[in-house]
Amino acid sequence: MKKFFYHQFISSVLWNLFLITAGSIVFGIGLKAIAIPHGFITGGISGLTLLFYYVSGLMSPGLWYLIVNVPIFLIGWIHVSRRFFLYSLYGMAALSMAIDLIGFTLPIREPILGVLAGGVLMGAGTGIILHSLGSAGGMDIVAIILNQKFNVRMGTFYFAFNIVLFAFSFGFLEADLVLYSLFMSFISSQTLDYVLTIFNQRKMVIIISDCNDRISREIHSRLRRGVTFLNGSGAYTGRDKKIILTVIHNYQLKRLEEAALSIDPEAFIITENTFNVLGRGFSRRKVY
């Protein structure tokens, strides 16, 4: 019952609007209070709009962001759901307002510190927005379409797009500013991937032991986790054996190791990070 209400809550309109608004504010601070005062450009459509803003000197960054987003939203209307489109429409408006309304500058003088702070804030802001059922427009829409259809990681797509954008920027901006901006984009993309996976990251554990039945019962009773037996055989001994495969939360790893090694001190345990686990007891597939 609690899980049902939890999933109902994270799918609610209020929760999604909160995520989009909070992420827009965090991104807006990184952009308006750090990146623009240093003359950096960001990645994605926001970086493209900043380039237009620096070169033309016309309008505001937020207004440029609205104009450039029009053709991208047409793509979103065709390829993604109407719900995603409406949430993203709100996200675009929220981010544009955050960019134009934030009027303070963070007192960061060293460019490299500005790169780190701006990259972390903008990556975290984008990640918070993308935890909702919408986006903030721009390359978020294209990234989500590629992720849904071809499993392209969002941070990887952003960084590849930004390489092209920054290469083009060398004709308009100082080389140092472009290189600082490229580094900031890398920090932002890494932060984005981390924020997107922080709640879905789990540990996949493989255990090879002669006491597999006892260990599996201990995993069931102590950790409340499911276990799958894989059929295997020893290359040296030629004996058939069952191999334990389970997926657990990060905080359960030490308890699992303690449970397995207390039963069989010679157990062979392999642990691997997983970035997304879908299924009962873990995450559900996100449908936009």
C-alpha atoms as a PDB file:
ATOM      1  CA  MET A   1       0.000   0.000   0.000  1.00  0.00           C
ATOM      2  CA  LYS A   2       2.832   2.415   0.867  1.00  0.00           C
ATOM      3  CA  LYS A   3       4.550   1.700  -2.457  1.00  0.00           C
ATOM      4  CA  PHE A   4       1.292   2.366  -4.288  1.00  0.00           C
ATOM      5  CA  PHE A   5       0.892   5.797  -2.678  1.00  0.00           C
ATOM      6  CA  TYR A   6       4.599   6.511  -3.271  1.00  0.00           C
ATOM      7  CA  HIS A   7       4.307   5.830  -7.001  1.00  0.00           C
ATOM      8  CA  GLN A   8       1.069   7.828  -7.116  1.00  0.00           C
ATOM      9  CA  PHE A   9       2.830  10.769  -5.469  1.00  0.00           C
ATOM     10  CA  ILE A  10       5.892  10.817  -7.766  1.00  0.00           C
ATOM     11  CA  SER A  11       3.529  10.696 -10.755  1.00  0.00           C
ATOM     12  CA  SER A  12       1.402  13.590  -9.484  1.00  0.00           C
ATOM     13  CA  VAL A  13       1.270  16.929 -11.268  1.00  0.00           C
ATOM     14  CA  LEU A  14       2.340  18.834  -8.139  1.00  0.00           C
ATOM     15  CA  TRP A  15       5.483  16.735  -7.647  1.00  0.00           C
ATOM     16  CA  ASN A  16       6.508  17.035 -11.291  1.00  0.00           C
ATOM     17  CA  LEU A  17       5.977  20.795 -11.319  1.00  0.00           C
ATOM     18  CA  PHE A  18       8.050  21.055  -8.137  1.00  0.00           C
ATOM     19  CA  LEU A  19      10.953  19.115  -9.692  1.00  0.00           C
ATOM     20  CA  ILE A  20      10.867  21.218 -12.847  1.00  0.00           C
ATOM     21  CA  THR A  21      10.713  24.484 -10.886  1.00  0.00           C
ATOM     22  CA  ALA A  22      13.470  23.514  -8.429  1.00  0.00           C
ATOM     23  CA  GLY A  23      15.728  22.251 -11.225  1.00  0.00           C
ATOM     24  CA  SER A  24      15.153  25.415 -13.252  1.00  0.00           C
ATOM     25  CA  ILE A  25      16.168  27.593 -10.301  1.00  0.00           C
ATOM     26  CA  VAL A  26      19.337  25.554  -9.659  1.00  0.00           C
ATOM     27  CA  PHE A  27      20.254  25.625 -13.363  1.00  0.00           C
ATOM     28  CA  GLY A  28      19.431  29.335 -13.567  1.00  0.00           C
ATOM     29  CA  ILE A  29      21.786  30.135 -10.678  1.00  0.00           C
ATOM     30  CA  GLY A  30      24.619  28.241 -12.354  1.00  0.00           C
ATOM     31  CA  LEU A  31      23.984  30.022 -15.639  1.00  0.00           C
ATOM     32  CA  LYS A  32      23.114  33.578 -14.589  1.00  0.00           C
ATOM     33  CA  ALA A  33      25.186  33.903 -11.412  1.00  0.00           C
ATOM     34  CA  ILE A  34      28.339  32.076 -12.603  1.00  0.00           C
ATOM     35  CA  ALA A  35      28.576  31.264 -16.331  1.00  0.00           C
ATOM     36  CA  ILE A  36      27.428  34.583 -17.827  1.00  0.00           C
ATOM     37  CA  PRO A  37      29.528  36.832 -15.508  1.00  0.00           C
ATOM     38  CA  HIS A  38      32.623  34.843 -16.562  1.00  0.00           C
ATOM     39  CA  GLY A  39      31.687  34.982 -20.244  1.00  0.00           C
ATOM     40  CA  PHE A  40      31.336  31.195 -20.494  1.00  0.00           C
ATOM     41  CA  ILE A  41      28.892  29.449 -22.760  1.00  0.00           C
ATOM     42  CA  THR A  42      27.021  26.416 -21.546  1.00  0.00           C
ATOM     43  CA  GLY A  43      26.212  23.291 -23.469  1.00  0.00           C
ATOM     44  CA  GLY A  44      23.055  22.417 -25.351  1.00  0.00           C
ATOM     45  CA  ILE A  45      20.477  24.928 -26.487  1.00  0.00           C
ATOM     46  CA  SER A  46      21.223  27.238 -23.550  1.00  0.00           C
ATOM     47  CA  GLY A  47      24.818  27.455 -24.817  1.00  0.00           C
ATOM     48  CA  LEU A  48      23.631  28.145 -28.347  1.00  0.00           C
ATOM     49  CA  THR A  49      21.372  30.927 -27.086  1.00  0.00           C
ATOM     50  CA  LEU A  50      24.237  32.425 -25.072  1.00  0.00           C
ATOM     51  CA  LEU A  51      26.370  32.426 -28.215  1.00  0.00           C
ATOM     52  CA  PHE A  52      23.598  34.297 -30.066  1.00  0.00           C
ATOM     53  CA  TYR A  53      23.306  36.683 -27.106  1.00  0.00           C
ATOM     54  CA  TYR A  54      27.070  37.414 -26.924  1.00  0.00           C
ATOM     55  CA  VAL A  55      27.442  37.874 -30.693  1.00  0.00           C
ATOM     56  CA  SER A  56      24.269  39.878 -31.388  1.00  0.00           C
ATOM     57  CA  GLY A  57      23.869  41.791 -28.124  1.00  0.00           C
ATOM     58  CA  LEU A  58      20.110  41.721 -28.777  1.00  0.00           C
ATOM     59  CA  MET A  59      17.283  40.690 -26.426  1.00  0.00           C
ATOM     60  CA  SER A  60      17.860  38.690 -23.259  1.00  0.00           C
ATOM     61  CA  PRO A  61      19.221  35.125 -22.829  1.00  0.00           C
ATOM     62  CA  GLY A  62      15.812  33.945 -21.630  1.00  0.00           C
ATOM     63  CA  LEU A  63      14.040  35.338 -24.706  1.00  0.00           C
ATOM     64  CA  TRP A  64      16.620  33.787 -27.029  1.00  0.00           C
ATOM     65  CA  TYR A  65      16.014  30.476 -25.236  1.00  0.00           C
ATOM     66  CA  LEU A  66      12.279  30.678 -25.952  1.00  0.00           C
ATOM     67  CA  ILE A  67      12.804  31.453 -29.661  1.00  0.00           C
ATOM     68  CA  VAL A  68      15.330  28.685 -30.338  1.00  0.00           C
ATOM     69  CA  ASN A  69      13.105  26.119 -28.597  1.00  0.00           C
ATOM     70  CA  VAL A  70      10.175  26.454 -31.020  1.00  0.00           C
ATOM     71  CA  PRO A  71      11.376  23.928 -33.679  1.00  0.00           C
ATOM     72  CA  ILE A  72      12.570  21.498 -31.007  1.00  0.00           C
ATOM     73  CA  PHE A  73       9.169  21.522 -29.345  1.00  0.00           C
ATOM     74  CA  LEU A  74       7.603  20.595 -32.665  1.00  0.00           C
ATOM     75  CA  ILE A  75       9.813  17.463 -32.654  1.00  0.00           C
ATOM     76  CA  GLY A  76       8.720  16.721 -29.089  1.00  0.00           C
ATOM     77  CA  TRP A  77       5.051  17.075 -30.033  1.00  0.00           C
ATOM     78  CA  ILE A  78       5.472  14.454 -32.775  1.00  0.00           C
ATOM     79  CA  HIS A  79       7.713  11.891 -31.060  1.00  0.00           C
ATOM     80  CA  VAL A  80       6.830  12.101 -27.356  1.00  0.00           C
ATOM     81  CA  SER A  81       3.575  12.097 -25.401  1.00  0.00           C
ATOM     82  CA  ARG A  82       1.344  15.129 -24.943  1.00  0.00           C
ATOM     83  CA  ARG A  83       1.906  14.960 -21.188  1.00  0.00           C
ATOM     84  CA  PHE A  84       5.657  15.264 -21.728  1.00  0.00           C
ATOM     85  CA  PHE A  85       5.072  18.143 -24.132  1.00  0.00           C
ATOM     86  CA  LEU A  86       2.967  20.117 -21.633  1.00  0.00           C
ATOM     87  CA  TYR A  87       5.375  19.518 -18.747  1.00  0.00           C
ATOM     88  CA  SER A  88       8.266  20.577 -20.997  1.00  0.00           C
ATOM     89  CA  LEU A  89       6.363  23.684 -22.058  1.00  0.00           C
ATOM     90  CA  TYR A  90       6.125  24.630 -18.399  1.00  0.00           C
ATOM     91  CA  GLY A  91       9.807  23.735 -17.936  1.00  0.00           C
ATOM     92  CA  MET A  92      10.859  25.987 -20.798  1.00  0.00           C
ATOM     93  CA  ALA A  93       8.859  28.891 -19.339  1.00  0.00           C
ATOM     94  CA  ALA A  94      10.196  28.227 -15.809  1.00  0.00           C
ATOM     95  CA  LEU A  95      13.805  28.103 -16.972  1.00  0.00           C
ATOM     96  CA  SER A  96      13.426  31.222 -19.120  1.00  0.00           C
ATOM     97  CA  MET A  97      11.954  33.115 -16.156  1.00  0.00           C
ATOM     98  CA  ALA A  98      14.679  31.827 -13.805  1.00  0.00           C
ATOM     99  CA  ILE A  99      17.387  32.991 -16.208  1.00  0.00           C
ATOM    100  CA  ASP A 100      15.888  36.473 -16.577  1.00  0.00           C
ATOM    101  CA  LEU A 101      14.783  36.986 -12.946  1.00  0.00           C
ATOM    102  CA  ILE A 102      17.967  35.875 -11.162  1.00  0.00           C
ATOM    103  CA  GLY A 103      19.764  39.155 -10.653  1.00  0.00           C
ATOM    104  CA  PHE A 104      22.704  38.298  -8.394  1.00  0.00           C
ATOM    105  CA  THR A 105      26.241  37.136  -9.131  1.00  0.00           C
ATOM    106  CA  LEU A 106      28.181  34.664  -6.999  1.00  0.00           C
ATOM    107  CA  PRO A 107      31.543  36.188  -5.982  1.00  0.00           C
ATOM    108  CA  ILE A 108      33.762  33.606  -7.703  1.00  0.00           C
ATOM    109  CA  ARG A 109      36.832  35.234  -9.230  1.00  0.00           C
ATOM    110  CA  GLU A 110      38.924  32.250 -10.308  1.00  0.00           C
ATOM    111  CA  PRO A 111      37.692  30.963 -13.692  1.00  0.00           C
ATOM    112  CA  ILE A 112      38.479  27.335 -12.861  1.00  0.00           C
ATOM    113  CA  LEU A 113      36.365  27.543  -9.690  1.00  0.00           C
ATOM    114  CA  GLY A 114      33.590  29.105 -11.762  1.00  0.00           C
ATOM    115  CA  VAL A 115      33.857  26.168 -14.173  1.00  0.00           C
ATOM    116  CA  LEU A 116      33.487  23.648 -11.343  1.00  0.00           C
ATOM    117  CA  ALA A 117      30.667  25.458  -9.533  1.00  0.00           C
ATOM    118  CA  GLY A 118      28.752  26.322 -12.697  1.00  0.00           C
ATOM    119  CA  GLY A 119      29.105  22.814 -14.131  1.00  0.00           C
ATOM    120  CA  VAL A 120      27.885  21.147 -10.949  1.00  0.00           C
ATOM    121  CA  LEU A 121      24.903  23.495 -10.540  1.00  0.00           C
ATOM    122  CA  MET A 122      23.762  23.258 -14.147  1.00  0.00           C
ATOM    123  CA  GLY A 123      24.247  19.477 -14.290  1.00  0.00           C
ATOM    124  CA  ALA A 124      22.367  19.020 -11.014  1.00  0.00           C
ATOM    125  CA  GLY A 125      19.581  21.342 -12.159  1.00  0.00           C
ATOM    126  CA  THR A 126      19.134  19.455 -15.421  1.00  0.00           C
ATOM    127  CA  GLY A 127      19.165  16.134 -13.554  1.00  0.00           C
ATOM    128  CA  ILE A 128      16.466  17.317 -11.142  1.00  0.00           C
ATOM    129  CA  ILE A 129      14.295  18.438 -14.043  1.00  0.00           C
ATOM    130  CA  LEU A 130      14.751  15.123 -15.871  1.00  0.00           C
ATOM    131  CA  HIS A 131      13.623  13.198 -12.778  1.00  0.00           C
ATOM    132  CA  SER A 132      10.200  14.632 -13.606  1.00  0.00           C
ATOM    133  CA  LEU A 133       7.978  13.507 -16.464  1.00  0.00           C
ATOM    134  CA  GLY A 134       8.989  16.535 -18.492  1.00  0.00           C
ATOM    135  CA  SER A 135      12.069  18.564 -19.395  1.00  0.00           C
ATOM    136  CA  ALA A 136      13.202  22.151 -19.756  1.00  0.00           C
ATOM    137  CA  GLY A 137      13.029  22.026 -23.523  1.00  0.00           C
ATOM    138  CA  GLY A 138      16.110  22.403 -25.681  1.00  0.00           C
ATOM    139  CA  MET A 139      18.367  19.395 -26.131  1.00  0.00           C
ATOM    140  CA  ASP A 140      16.576  17.668 -23.231  1.00  0.00           C
ATOM    141  CA  ILE A 141      13.799  16.721 -25.663  1.00  0.00           C
ATOM    142  CA  VAL A 142      16.202  15.306 -28.254  1.00  0.00           C
ATOM    143  CA  ALA A 143      18.226  13.528 -25.541  1.00  0.00           C
ATOM    144  CA  ILE A 144      15.115  11.861 -24.102  1.00  0.00           C
ATOM    145  CA  ILE A 145      13.986  10.690 -27.552  1.00  0.00           C
ATOM    146  CA  LEU A 146      17.433   9.174 -28.232  1.00  0.00           C
ATOM    147  CA  ASN A 147      17.538   7.608 -24.764  1.00  0.00           C
ATOM    148  CA  GLN A 148      14.083   6.070 -25.122  1.00  0.00           C
ATOM    149  CA  LYS A 149      14.587   4.763 -28.661  1.00  0.00           C
ATOM    150  CA  PHE A 150      18.324   3.937 -28.786  1.00  0.00           C
ATOM    151  CA  ASN A 151      19.423   3.859 -25.089  1.00  0.00           C
ATOM    152  CA  VAL A 152      21.918   6.692 -25.654  1.00  0.00           C
ATOM    153  CA  ARG A 153      23.019   8.055 -22.260  1.00  0.00           C
ATOM    154  CA  MET A 154      21.884  11.643 -21.858  1.00  0.00           C
ATOM    155  CA  GLY A 155      25.158  12.974 -20.496  1.00  0.00           C
ATOM    156  CA  THR A 156      27.057  11.367 -23.386  1.00  0.00           C
ATOM    157  CA  PHE A 157      24.728  12.946 -25.964  1.00  0.00           C
ATOM    158  CA  TYR A 158      25.027  16.392 -24.359  1.00  0.00           C
ATOM    159  CA  PHE A 159      28.818  16.217 -24.364  1.00  0.00           C
ATOM    160  CA  ALA A 160      28.949  15.115 -28.044  1.00  0.00           C
ATOM    161  CA  PHE A 161      26.611  17.962 -29.069  1.00  0.00           C
ATOM    162  CA  ASN A 162      28.677  20.411 -27.066  1.00  0.00           C
ATOM    163  CA  ILE A 163      31.912  19.398 -28.803  1.00  0.00           C
ATOM    164  CA  VAL A 164      30.373  20.594 -32.086  1.00  0.00           C
ATOM    165  CA  LEU A 165      28.987  23.754 -30.465  1.00  0.00           C
ATOM    166  CA  PHE A 166      32.312  24.687 -28.880  1.00  0.00           C
ATOM    167  CA  ALA A 167      34.247  23.997 -32.081  1.00  0.00           C
ATOM    168  CA  PHE A 168      31.926  26.470 -33.813  1.00  0.00           C
ATOM    169  CA  SER A 169      32.415  28.963 -30.952  1.00  0.00           C
ATOM    170  CA  PHE A 170      36.142  29.360 -31.646  1.00  0.00           C
ATOM    171  CA  GLY A 171      35.202  31.713 -34.481  1.00  0.00           C
ATOM    172  CA  PHE A 172      33.386  34.100 -32.131  1.00  0.00           C
ATOM    173  CA  LEU A 173      34.914  33.821 -28.633  1.00  0.00           C
ATOM    174  CA  GLU A 174      38.382  33.815 -27.112  1.00  0.00           C
ATOM    175  CA  ALA A 175      40.029  30.395 -27.106  1.00  0.00           C
ATOM    176  CA  ASP A 176      40.479  30.414 -23.309  1.00  0.00           C
ATOM    177  CA  LEU A 177      36.755  31.043 -22.758  1.00  0.00           C
ATOM    178  CA  VAL A 178      35.797  28.245 -25.143  1.00  0.00           C
ATOM    179  CA  LEU A 179      38.143  25.777 -23.413  1.00  0.00           C
ATOM    180  CA  TYR A 180      36.843  26.795 -19.981  1.00  0.00           C
ATOM    181  CA  SER A 181      33.311  26.327 -21.314  1.00  0.00           C
ATOM    182  CA  LEU A 182      34.164  22.892 -22.688  1.00  0.00           C
ATOM    183  CA  PHE A 183      35.500  21.812 -19.304  1.00  0.00           C
ATOM    184  CA  MET A 184      32.383  23.192 -17.617  1.00  0.00           C
ATOM    185  CA  SER A 185      30.245  21.193 -20.033  1.00  0.00           C
ATOM    186  CA  PHE A 186      32.137  18.011 -19.163  1.00  0.00           C
ATOM    187  CA  ILE A 187      31.587  18.632 -15.430  1.00  0.00           C
ATOM    188  CA  SER A 188      27.914  19.322 -16.119  1.00  0.00           C
ATOM    189  CA  SER A 189      27.416  16.124 -18.150  1.00  0.00           C
ATOM    190  CA  GLN A 190      29.096  13.984 -15.476  1.00  0.00           C
ATOM    191  CA  THR A 191      26.991  15.585 -12.756  1.00  0.00           C
ATOM    192  CA  LEU A 192      23.865  15.045 -14.841  1.00  0.00           C
ATOM    193  CA  ASP A 193      24.528  11.309 -15.262  1.00  0.00           C
ATOM    194  CA  TYR A 194      25.250  10.993 -11.529  1.00  0.00           C
ATOM    195  CA  VAL A 195      22.045  12.799 -10.500  1.00  0.00           C
ATOM    196  CA  LEU A 196      19.977  10.705 -12.930  1.00  0.00           C
ATOM    197  CA  THR A 197      21.339   7.398 -11.598  1.00  0.00           C
ATOM    198  CA  ILE A 198      21.788   8.236  -7.906  1.00  0.00           C
ATOM    199  CA  PHE A 199      18.427   6.732  -6.898  1.00  0.00           C
ATOM    200  CA  ASN A 200      18.551   3.790  -9.334  1.00  0.00           C
ATOM    201  CA  GLN A 201      22.108   2.598  -8.788  1.00  0.00           C
ATOM    202  CA  ARG A 202      22.281  -0.861  -7.227  1.00  0.00           C
ATOM    203  CA  LYS A 203      24.778  -3.656  -6.714  1.00  0.00           C
ATOM    204  CA  MET A 204      24.625  -6.870  -8.711  1.00  0.00           C
ATOM    205  CA  VAL A 205      26.250  -9.696  -6.740  1.00  0.00           C
ATOM    206  CA  ILE A 206      27.329 -13.132  -7.966  1.00  0.00           C
ATOM    207  CA  ILE A 207      28.226 -15.707  -5.326  1.00  0.00           C
ATOM    208  CA  ILE A 208      29.931 -19.038  -6.043  1.00  0.00           C
ATOM    209  CA  SER A 209      29.786 -21.390  -3.077  1.00  0.00           C
ATOM    210  CA  ASP A 210      29.127 -25.009  -2.119  1.00  0.00           C
ATOM    211  CA  CYS A 211      26.615 -23.686   0.430  1.00  0.00           C
ATOM    212  CA  ASN A 212      24.431 -21.858  -2.072  1.00  0.00           C
ATOM    213  CA  ASP A 213      21.097 -23.067  -0.645  1.00  0.00           C
ATOM    214  CA  ARG A 214      21.899 -21.823   2.873  1.00  0.00           C
ATOM    215  CA  ILE A 215      23.252 -18.509   1.564  1.00  0.00           C
ATOM    216  CA  SER A 216      20.176 -17.936  -0.614  1.00  0.00           C
ATOM    217  CA  ARG A 217      17.854 -18.582   2.343  1.00  0.00           C
ATOM    218  CA  GLU A 218      19.871 -16.101   4.405  1.00  0.00           C
ATOM    219  CA  ILE A 219      19.555 -13.471   1.650  1.00  0.00           C
ATOM    220  CA  HIS A 220      15.791 -14.031   1.573  1.00  0.00           C
ATOM    221  CA  SER A 221      15.339 -13.840   5.342  1.00  0.00           C
ATOM    222  CA  ARG A 222      17.840 -11.128   6.324  1.00  0.00           C
ATOM    223  CA  LEU A 223      17.865  -8.831   3.295  1.00  0.00           C
ATOM    224  CA  ARG A 224      14.416  -9.519   1.828  1.00  0.00           C
ATOM    225  CA  ARG A 225      15.959  -9.760  -1.640  1.00  0.00           C
ATOM    226  CA  GLY A 226      15.232 -12.245  -4.410  1.00  0.00           C
ATOM    227  CA  VAL A 227      17.803 -14.771  -5.606  1.00  0.00           C
ATOM    228  CA  THR A 228      18.249 -16.461  -8.984  1.00  0.00           C
ATOM    229  CA  PHE A 229      20.280 -19.646  -9.452  1.00  0.00           C
ATOM    230  CA  LEU A 230      22.459 -19.851 -12.553  1.00  0.00           C
ATOM    231  CA  ASN A 231      23.662 -23.258 -13.703  1.00  0.00           C
ATOM    232  CA  GLY A 232      27.441 -23.500 -13.944  1.00  0.00           C
ATOM    233  CA  SER A 233      30.305 -25.944 -13.739  1.00  0.00           C
ATOM    234  CA  GLY A 234      33.881 -25.683 -12.530  1.00  0.00           C
ATOM    235  CA  ALA A 235      36.432 -25.703 -15.350  1.00  0.00           C
ATOM    236  CA  TYR A 236      39.008 -27.422 -13.124  1.00  0.00           C
ATOM    237  CA  THR A 237      36.831 -29.815 -11.126  1.00  0.00           C
ATOM    238  CA  GLY A 238      34.156 -30.384 -13.763  1.00  0.00           C
ATOM    239  CA  ARG A 239      31.497 -30.379 -11.048  1.00  0.00           C
ATOM    240  CA  ASP A 240      28.090 -28.832 -11.652  1.00  0.00           C
ATOM    241  CA  LYS A 241      27.047 -26.134  -9.221  1.00  0.00           C
ATOM    242  CA  LYS A 242      24.426 -23.455  -8.731  1.00  0.00           C
ATOM    243  CA  ILE A 243      25.618 -19.858  -8.839  1.00  0.00           C
ATOM    244  CA  ILE A 244      23.745 -17.205  -6.867  1.00  0.00           C
ATOM    245  CA  LEU A 245      22.737 -14.001  -8.649  1.00  0.00           C
ATOM    246  CA  THR A 246      21.045 -11.190  -6.722  1.00  0.00           C
ATOM    247  CA  VAL A 247      20.585  -7.421  -6.927  1.00  0.00           C
ATOM    248  CA  ILE A 248      20.632  -5.381  -3.720  1.00  0.00           C
ATOM    249  CA  HIS A 249      20.609  -1.782  -2.541  1.00  0.00           C
ATOM    250  CA  ASN A 250      24.031  -0.218  -1.970  1.00  0.00           C
ATOM    251  CA  TYR A 251      23.626  -0.080   1.795  1.00  0.00           C
ATOM    252  CA  GLN A 252      22.915  -3.846   1.938  1.00  0.00           C
ATOM    253  CA  LEU A 253      26.264  -4.921   0.473  1.00  0.00           C
ATOM    254  CA  LYS A 254      28.162  -5.340   3.760  1.00  0.00           C
ATOM    255  CA  ARG A 255      25.270  -7.268   5.290  1.00  0.00           C
ATOM    256  CA  LEU A 256      25.238  -9.583   2.289  1.00  0.00           C
ATOM    257  CA  GLU A 257      28.980 -10.187   2.508  1.00  0.00           C
ATOM    258  CA  GLU A 258      28.685 -10.882   6.237  1.00  0.00           C
ATOM    259  CA  ALA A 259      25.794 -13.315   5.696  1.00  0.00           C
ATOM    260  CA  ALA A 260      27.571 -15.219   2.897  1.00  0.00           C
ATOM    261  CA  LEU A 261      31.026 -15.403   4.493  1.00  0.00           C
ATOM    262  CA  SER A 262      29.652 -16.419   7.889  1.00  0.00           C
ATOM    263  CA  ILE A 263      28.159 -19.497   6.200  1.00  0.00           C
ATOM    264  CA  ASP A 264      31.034 -20.189   3.795  1.00  0.00           C
ATOM    265  CA  PRO A 265      34.324 -18.344   4.461  1.00  0.00           C
ATOM    266  CA  GLU A 266      35.592 -19.648   1.117  1.00  0.00           C
ATOM    267  CA  ALA A 267      32.699 -18.191  -0.885  1.00  0.00           C
ATOM    268  CA  PHE A 268      33.686 -16.365  -4.071  1.00  0.00           C
ATOM    269  CA  ILE A 269      31.810 -13.027  -4.286  1.00  0.00           C
ATOM    270  CA  ILE A 270      31.730 -10.737  -7.332  1.00  0.00           C
ATOM    271  CA  THR A 271      30.151  -7.269  -7.005  1.00  0.00           C
ATOM    272  CA  GLU A 272      29.266  -5.042  -9.948  1.00  0.00           C
ATOM    273  CA  ASN A 273      27.678  -1.583 -10.130  1.00  0.00           C
ATOM    274  CA  THR A 274      24.414  -1.330 -12.044  1.00  0.00           C
ATOM    275  CA  PHE A 275      23.129   2.049 -13.208  1.00  0.00           C
ATOM    276  CA  ASN A 276      19.493   1.152 -13.652  1.00  0.00           C
ATOM    277  CA  VAL A 277      17.413  -1.695 -12.246  1.00  0.00           C
ATOM    278  CA  LEU A 278      13.806  -2.077 -13.343  1.00  0.00           C
ATOM    279  CA  GLY A 279      11.440  -4.508 -11.697  1.00  0.00           C
ATOM    280  CA  ARG A 280       9.559  -5.367  -8.553  1.00  0.00           C
ATOM    281  CA  GLY A 281      11.214  -3.961  -5.449  1.00  0.00           C
ATOM    282  CA  PHE A 282      13.276  -1.468  -7.455  1.00  0.00           C
ATOM    283  CA  SER A 283      12.438   1.177 -10.074  1.00  0.00           C
ATOM    284  CA  ARG A 284       9.631   1.213 -12.584  1.00  0.00           C
ATOM    285  CA  ARG A 285      10.117   2.044 -16.232  1.00  0.00           C
ATOM    286  CA  LYS A 286       9.685   5.756 -16.733  1.00  0.00           C
ATOM    287  CA  VAL A 287       7.030   6.492 -19.335  1.00  0.00           C
ATOM    288  CA  TYR A 288       6.960  10.056 -20.674  1.00  0.00           C
END
